[in-house]
Amino acid sequence: MDISDQEFDQLVTRAMDELPQEYITQLDNVAIVYADEPTDEQVHRMKIDNNHLLLGLYEGIPRTQRGGNYSMVLPDKITLFKKPILAVTHSKEALFEQIKRTLWHEIAHHYGLDHGRIDSLEAAKRANKFSDS
């Protein structure tokens, strides 16, 4: 599947609109961008091997680590990687859901959550979804 950059950007915007707005409106000093693929440096820094894909990346200082001297700092950056996300999806709806999930995951890092906590929250959400059915 392939989509234009404009379509991908529209899906990112839609995902932002559908995420809980109390977290979106409080994003402080964060740029949300997308790129076709991660750079070699990003892949190396995140220790991504050939068997894994990097779908998104948060680069910055999480809110929980910002002290009183936090000022005059370049914006944090959340990057969504278009080609890896496309590689793991096979429909427009699955693409949108993956963008939304990846975006939420990277925003959670901005708020100081580590992968273990994010994974447990996602598991709880899936369990609630199945129990509501």
N, C-alpha and C. Protein backbone atom coordinates (compact mmCIF):
# COMPACT_ATOMS: atom_id res chain seq x y z
N MET A 1 0.85 -1.18 0.00
CA MET A 1 0.00 0.00 0.00
C MET A 1 0.89 1.23 0.00
N ASP A 2 0.46 2.24 -0.72
CA ASP A 2 1.21 3.48 -0.77
C ASP A 2 0.22 4.63 -0.71
N ILE A 3 0.58 5.69 -0.01
CA ILE A 3 -0.25 6.88 0.04
C ILE A 3 0.65 8.10 -0.09
N SER A 4 0.05 9.19 -0.48
CA SER A 4 0.82 10.42 -0.65
C SER A 4 1.17 11.00 0.73
N ASP A 5 2.15 11.89 0.73
CA ASP A 5 2.50 12.58 1.97
C ASP A 5 1.30 13.38 2.50
N GLN A 6 0.54 13.97 1.59
CA GLN A 6 -0.63 14.75 2.00
C GLN A 6 -1.65 13.86 2.70
N GLU A 7 -1.91 12.67 2.16
CA GLU A 7 -2.86 11.74 2.80
C GLU A 7 -2.34 11.30 4.17
N PHE A 8 -1.04 11.01 4.25
CA PHE A 8 -0.45 10.59 5.52
C PHE A 8 -0.59 11.71 6.54
N ASP A 9 -0.31 12.93 6.12
CA ASP A 9 -0.43 14.09 7.01
C ASP A 9 -1.88 14.25 7.50
N GLN A 10 -2.84 14.02 6.62
CA GLN A 10 -4.26 14.12 7.02
C GLN A 10 -4.61 13.05 8.05
N LEU A 11 -4.05 11.85 7.91
CA LEU A 11 -4.30 10.80 8.89
C LEU A 11 -3.67 11.13 10.23
N VAL A 12 -2.49 11.74 10.22
CA VAL A 12 -1.84 12.16 11.47
C VAL A 12 -2.70 13.22 12.16
N THR A 13 -3.20 14.17 11.39
CA THR A 13 -4.06 15.22 11.94
C THR A 13 -5.34 14.61 12.52
N ARG A 14 -5.94 13.68 11.80
CA ARG A 14 -7.15 13.00 12.29
C ARG A 14 -6.86 12.25 13.59
N ALA A 15 -5.72 11.57 13.64
CA ALA A 15 -5.34 10.84 14.85
C ALA A 15 -5.18 11.80 16.02
N MET A 16 -4.53 12.94 15.78
CA MET A 16 -4.38 13.95 16.84
C MET A 16 -5.75 14.39 17.35
N ASP A 17 -6.69 14.57 16.44
CA ASP A 17 -8.03 15.02 16.82
C ASP A 17 -8.77 13.96 17.64
N GLU A 18 -8.47 12.69 17.41
CA GLU A 18 -9.18 11.60 18.10
C GLU A 18 -8.54 11.17 19.41
N LEU A 19 -7.31 11.57 19.66
CA LEU A 19 -6.68 11.23 20.93
C LEU A 19 -7.26 12.11 22.03
N PRO A 20 -7.18 11.66 23.29
CA PRO A 20 -7.72 12.48 24.39
C PRO A 20 -7.12 13.88 24.39
N GLN A 21 -7.96 14.87 24.22
CA GLN A 21 -7.49 16.24 24.03
C GLN A 21 -6.79 16.83 25.25
N GLU A 22 -7.06 16.31 26.44
CA GLU A 22 -6.36 16.85 27.62
C GLU A 22 -4.86 16.60 27.54
N TYR A 23 -4.46 15.56 26.82
CA TYR A 23 -3.03 15.29 26.64
C TYR A 23 -2.46 16.06 25.45
N ILE A 24 -3.26 16.26 24.44
CA ILE A 24 -2.80 16.95 23.24
C ILE A 24 -2.63 18.44 23.53
N THR A 25 -3.61 19.05 24.19
CA THR A 25 -3.55 20.49 24.42
C THR A 25 -2.45 20.86 25.41
N GLN A 26 -1.96 19.89 26.19
CA GLN A 26 -0.91 20.19 27.15
C GLN A 26 0.48 19.79 26.64
N LEU A 27 0.58 19.39 25.38
CA LEU A 27 1.90 19.14 24.81
C LEU A 27 2.65 20.46 24.82
N ASP A 28 3.76 20.50 25.51
CA ASP A 28 4.49 21.73 25.68
C ASP A 28 5.84 21.63 24.98
N ASN A 29 6.06 22.51 24.01
CA ASN A 29 7.34 22.57 23.32
C ASN A 29 7.64 21.26 22.59
N VAL A 30 6.65 20.76 21.82
CA VAL A 30 6.78 19.49 21.10
C VAL A 30 6.38 19.70 19.63
N ALA A 31 7.26 19.29 18.74
CA ALA A 31 6.94 19.30 17.31
C ALA A 31 6.59 17.87 16.90
N ILE A 32 5.52 17.72 16.15
CA ILE A 32 5.12 16.40 15.64
C ILE A 32 5.32 16.44 14.13
N VAL A 33 6.19 15.54 13.66
CA VAL A 33 6.57 15.50 12.26
C VAL A 33 6.52 14.06 11.76
N TYR A 34 6.72 13.90 10.46
CA TYR A 34 6.87 12.55 9.93
C TYR A 34 8.01 12.55 8.93
N ALA A 35 8.57 11.38 8.75
CA ALA A 35 9.65 11.16 7.78
C ALA A 35 9.39 9.83 7.11
N ASP A 36 9.98 9.63 5.94
CA ASP A 36 9.80 8.35 5.27
C ASP A 36 10.36 7.21 6.11
N GLU A 37 11.58 7.38 6.60
CA GLU A 37 12.24 6.33 7.38
C GLU A 37 13.15 6.97 8.43
N PRO A 38 13.47 6.22 9.48
CA PRO A 38 14.43 6.76 10.46
C PRO A 38 15.82 6.86 9.84
N THR A 39 16.61 7.77 10.38
CA THR A 39 18.00 7.89 9.93
C THR A 39 18.81 6.72 10.50
N ASP A 40 19.98 6.51 9.94
CA ASP A 40 20.88 5.47 10.47
C ASP A 40 21.22 5.77 11.93
N GLU A 41 21.40 7.03 12.26
CA GLU A 41 21.72 7.42 13.64
C GLU A 41 20.57 7.06 14.59
N GLN A 42 19.35 7.34 14.18
CA GLN A 42 18.19 7.01 15.03
C GLN A 42 18.07 5.50 15.23
N VAL A 43 18.26 4.74 14.17
CA VAL A 43 18.19 3.28 14.27
C VAL A 43 19.28 2.77 15.20
N HIS A 44 20.48 3.30 15.07
CA HIS A 44 21.61 2.88 15.91
C HIS A 44 21.36 3.25 17.38
N ARG A 45 20.93 4.49 17.62
CA ARG A 45 20.68 4.96 18.99
C ARG A 45 19.59 4.14 19.69
N MET A 46 18.58 3.72 18.92
CA MET A 46 17.48 2.95 19.50
C MET A 46 17.77 1.44 19.50
N LYS A 47 18.93 1.05 18.97
CA LYS A 47 19.35 -0.35 18.95
C LYS A 47 18.34 -1.23 18.21
N ILE A 48 17.89 -0.75 17.05
CA ILE A 48 16.93 -1.48 16.23
C ILE A 48 17.71 -2.45 15.34
N ASP A 49 17.38 -3.72 15.41
CA ASP A 49 18.06 -4.70 14.56
C ASP A 49 17.26 -4.92 13.27
N ASN A 50 17.78 -5.78 12.41
CA ASN A 50 17.15 -6.02 11.11
C ASN A 50 15.79 -6.71 11.22
N ASN A 51 15.45 -7.26 12.38
CA ASN A 51 14.18 -7.96 12.56
C ASN A 51 13.07 -7.06 13.10
N HIS A 52 13.37 -5.78 13.29
CA HIS A 52 12.39 -4.85 13.87
C HIS A 52 12.31 -3.58 13.05
N LEU A 53 11.20 -2.89 13.20
CA LEU A 53 10.99 -1.62 12.53
C LEU A 53 10.78 -0.53 13.58
N LEU A 54 11.25 0.65 13.31
CA LEU A 54 11.00 1.80 14.16
C LEU A 54 9.84 2.57 13.53
N LEU A 55 8.69 2.56 14.21
CA LEU A 55 7.50 3.20 13.68
C LEU A 55 7.41 4.67 14.08
N GLY A 56 7.93 4.98 15.25
CA GLY A 56 7.89 6.35 15.74
C GLY A 56 9.01 6.56 16.74
N LEU A 57 9.29 7.82 17.04
CA LEU A 57 10.38 8.13 17.95
C LEU A 57 10.11 9.45 18.66
N TYR A 58 10.28 9.42 19.99
CA TYR A 58 10.22 10.65 20.79
C TYR A 58 11.65 11.04 21.12
N GLU A 59 12.01 12.25 20.79
CA GLU A 59 13.33 12.78 21.11
C GLU A 59 13.15 14.08 21.89
N GLY A 60 13.59 14.08 23.14
CA GLY A 60 13.46 15.28 23.94
C GLY A 60 13.60 15.00 25.41
N ILE A 61 13.12 15.93 26.20
CA ILE A 61 13.17 15.83 27.65
C ILE A 61 11.75 15.61 28.15
N PRO A 62 11.45 14.41 28.69
CA PRO A 62 10.09 14.16 29.18
C PRO A 62 9.69 15.17 30.25
N ARG A 63 8.41 15.45 30.33
CA ARG A 63 7.90 16.43 31.30
C ARG A 63 8.31 16.09 32.72
N THR A 64 8.41 14.80 33.03
CA THR A 64 8.77 14.39 34.39
C THR A 64 10.22 14.68 34.73
N GLN A 65 11.04 15.00 33.72
CA GLN A 65 12.45 15.29 33.96
C GLN A 65 12.80 16.76 33.78
N ARG A 66 11.82 17.57 33.51
CA ARG A 66 12.07 19.00 33.32
C ARG A 66 12.12 19.68 34.68
N GLY A 67 13.17 20.39 34.92
CA GLY A 67 13.31 21.10 36.18
C GLY A 67 12.96 22.57 36.04
N GLY A 68 13.26 23.31 37.07
CA GLY A 68 12.98 24.74 37.08
C GLY A 68 13.79 25.52 36.07
N ASN A 69 14.87 24.95 35.59
CA ASN A 69 15.71 25.63 34.61
C ASN A 69 15.33 25.31 33.18
N TYR A 70 14.19 24.66 32.99
CA TYR A 70 13.77 24.28 31.64
C TYR A 70 13.24 25.51 30.91
N SER A 71 14.10 26.11 30.10
CA SER A 71 13.70 27.24 29.26
C SER A 71 14.72 27.38 28.14
N MET A 72 14.32 28.07 27.10
CA MET A 72 15.20 28.30 25.96
C MET A 72 15.75 26.98 25.41
N VAL A 73 14.88 25.97 25.36
CA VAL A 73 15.26 24.64 24.89
C VAL A 73 14.59 24.40 23.55
N LEU A 74 15.33 23.78 22.64
CA LEU A 74 14.70 23.41 21.36
C LEU A 74 13.51 22.51 21.62
N PRO A 75 12.51 22.53 20.75
CA PRO A 75 11.34 21.67 20.97
C PRO A 75 11.70 20.19 20.97
N ASP A 76 10.97 19.42 21.79
CA ASP A 76 11.02 17.97 21.69
C ASP A 76 10.47 17.63 20.31
N LYS A 77 10.76 16.42 19.86
CA LYS A 77 10.27 16.03 18.54
C LYS A 77 9.70 14.62 18.59
N ILE A 78 8.51 14.47 18.07
CA ILE A 78 7.89 13.17 17.85
C ILE A 78 7.87 12.97 16.34
N THR A 79 8.52 11.89 15.89
CA THR A 79 8.56 11.59 14.47
C THR A 79 7.84 10.28 14.21
N LEU A 80 6.92 10.29 13.26
CA LEU A 80 6.28 9.08 12.78
C LEU A 80 6.96 8.70 11.47
N PHE A 81 7.27 7.42 11.31
CA PHE A 81 7.99 6.96 10.13
C PHE A 81 7.02 6.27 9.17
N LYS A 82 6.78 6.94 8.06
CA LYS A 82 5.74 6.54 7.10
C LYS A 82 5.97 5.14 6.52
N LYS A 83 7.14 4.86 5.97
CA LYS A 83 7.35 3.58 5.29
C LYS A 83 7.28 2.39 6.25
N PRO A 84 7.88 2.45 7.43
CA PRO A 84 7.71 1.32 8.36
C PRO A 84 6.25 1.12 8.80
N ILE A 85 5.53 2.22 9.00
CA ILE A 85 4.10 2.09 9.37
C ILE A 85 3.33 1.46 8.23
N LEU A 86 3.61 1.88 7.00
CA LEU A 86 2.94 1.28 5.85
C LEU A 86 3.28 -0.21 5.73
N ALA A 87 4.50 -0.58 6.11
CA ALA A 87 4.93 -1.97 5.99
C ALA A 87 4.16 -2.91 6.92
N VAL A 88 3.62 -2.39 8.01
CA VAL A 88 2.93 -3.26 8.98
C VAL A 88 1.41 -3.15 8.87
N THR A 89 0.92 -2.44 7.87
CA THR A 89 -0.53 -2.30 7.70
C THR A 89 -0.92 -2.70 6.29
N HIS A 90 -2.19 -3.11 6.14
CA HIS A 90 -2.64 -3.60 4.84
C HIS A 90 -3.97 -3.01 4.40
N SER A 91 -4.45 -2.03 5.13
CA SER A 91 -5.69 -1.35 4.74
C SER A 91 -5.62 0.09 5.27
N LYS A 92 -6.46 0.93 4.72
CA LYS A 92 -6.49 2.34 5.16
C LYS A 92 -6.89 2.44 6.63
N GLU A 93 -7.85 1.63 7.05
CA GLU A 93 -8.29 1.69 8.45
C GLU A 93 -7.18 1.21 9.39
N ALA A 94 -6.50 0.12 9.01
CA ALA A 94 -5.38 -0.38 9.82
C ALA A 94 -4.26 0.65 9.86
N LEU A 95 -4.04 1.34 8.75
CA LEU A 95 -3.02 2.38 8.70
C LEU A 95 -3.35 3.49 9.68
N PHE A 96 -4.60 3.95 9.65
CA PHE A 96 -5.01 5.01 10.57
C PHE A 96 -4.85 4.56 12.03
N GLU A 97 -5.29 3.35 12.35
CA GLU A 97 -5.17 2.87 13.72
C GLU A 97 -3.71 2.75 14.16
N GLN A 98 -2.83 2.35 13.25
CA GLN A 98 -1.41 2.24 13.59
C GLN A 98 -0.79 3.63 13.80
N ILE A 99 -1.16 4.58 12.98
CA ILE A 99 -0.68 5.96 13.17
C ILE A 99 -1.13 6.47 14.53
N LYS A 100 -2.39 6.26 14.85
CA LYS A 100 -2.94 6.74 16.11
C LYS A 100 -2.25 6.06 17.30
N ARG A 101 -2.03 4.76 17.21
CA ARG A 101 -1.37 4.01 18.28
C ARG A 101 0.08 4.46 18.44
N THR A 102 0.78 4.64 17.34
CA THR A 102 2.18 5.08 17.39
C THR A 102 2.28 6.49 17.96
N LEU A 103 1.40 7.36 17.53
CA LEU A 103 1.39 8.72 18.04
C LEU A 103 1.13 8.74 19.54
N TRP A 104 0.13 7.97 19.99
CA TRP A 104 -0.17 7.90 21.43
C TRP A 104 1.05 7.38 22.20
N HIS A 105 1.71 6.36 21.66
CA HIS A 105 2.88 5.76 22.30
C HIS A 105 3.98 6.81 22.49
N GLU A 106 4.25 7.60 21.45
CA GLU A 106 5.32 8.60 21.54
C GLU A 106 4.92 9.76 22.44
N ILE A 107 3.66 10.15 22.44
CA ILE A 107 3.18 11.19 23.36
C ILE A 107 3.33 10.70 24.80
N ALA A 108 3.07 9.42 25.04
CA ALA A 108 3.22 8.86 26.38
C ALA A 108 4.67 9.01 26.85
N HIS A 109 5.64 8.83 25.96
CA HIS A 109 7.04 9.06 26.32
C HIS A 109 7.26 10.52 26.74
N HIS A 110 6.63 11.45 26.06
CA HIS A 110 6.73 12.87 26.41
C HIS A 110 6.26 13.09 27.86
N TYR A 111 5.25 12.35 28.26
CA TYR A 111 4.72 12.48 29.62
C TYR A 111 5.50 11.63 30.63
N GLY A 112 6.58 10.99 30.19
CA GLY A 112 7.47 10.29 31.11
C GLY A 112 7.22 8.81 31.26
N LEU A 113 6.33 8.22 30.48
CA LEU A 113 6.06 6.79 30.60
C LEU A 113 7.13 6.00 29.85
N ASP A 114 7.57 4.90 30.46
CA ASP A 114 8.53 4.03 29.79
C ASP A 114 7.77 2.93 29.05
N HIS A 115 8.50 2.10 28.30
CA HIS A 115 7.84 1.07 27.49
C HIS A 115 7.04 0.09 28.34
N GLY A 116 7.54 -0.28 29.50
CA GLY A 116 6.81 -1.21 30.37
C GLY A 116 5.44 -0.67 30.76
N ARG A 117 5.41 0.60 31.17
CA ARG A 117 4.14 1.22 31.57
C ARG A 117 3.20 1.39 30.38
N ILE A 118 3.75 1.77 29.23
CA ILE A 118 2.93 1.93 28.03
C ILE A 118 2.33 0.58 27.64
N ASP A 119 3.15 -0.47 27.67
CA ASP A 119 2.66 -1.81 27.32
C ASP A 119 1.54 -2.25 28.25
N SER A 120 1.67 -1.98 29.55
CA SER A 120 0.63 -2.39 30.50
C SER A 120 -0.66 -1.59 30.28
N LEU A 121 -0.54 -0.32 29.96
CA LEU A 121 -1.73 0.48 29.66
C LEU A 121 -2.42 0.01 28.39
N GLU A 122 -1.64 -0.34 27.37
CA GLU A 122 -2.23 -0.85 26.13
C GLU A 122 -2.90 -2.20 26.36
N ALA A 123 -2.29 -3.06 27.18
CA ALA A 123 -2.89 -4.36 27.48
C ALA A 123 -4.21 -4.17 28.24
N ALA A 124 -4.23 -3.24 29.18
CA ALA A 124 -5.46 -2.97 29.93
C ALA A 124 -6.55 -2.42 29.01
N LYS A 125 -6.17 -1.58 28.07
CA LYS A 125 -7.14 -1.04 27.12
C LYS A 125 -7.73 -2.15 26.26
N ARG A 126 -6.86 -3.05 25.78
CA ARG A 126 -7.36 -4.18 24.98
C ARG A 126 -8.28 -5.06 25.81
N ALA A 127 -7.93 -5.33 27.07
CA ALA A 127 -8.77 -6.17 27.93
C ALA A 127 -10.13 -5.51 28.16
N ASN A 128 -10.14 -4.19 28.36
CA ASN A 128 -11.41 -3.47 28.54
C ASN A 128 -12.24 -3.51 27.27
N LYS A 129 -11.59 -3.41 26.13
CA LYS A 129 -12.30 -3.45 24.86
C LYS A 129 -13.00 -4.79 24.68
N PHE A 130 -12.31 -5.89 25.04
CA PHE A 130 -12.89 -7.22 24.90
C PHE A 130 -13.98 -7.45 25.95
N SER A 131 -13.83 -6.90 27.14
CA SER A 131 -14.84 -7.11 28.18
C SER A 131 -16.11 -6.32 27.89
N ASP A 132 -15.96 -5.21 27.13
CA ASP A 132 -17.14 -4.42 26.76
C ASP A 132 -17.93 -5.06 25.63
N SER A 133 -17.31 -5.99 24.91
CA SER A 133 -17.98 -6.61 23.76
C SER A 133 -19.05 -7.58 24.18
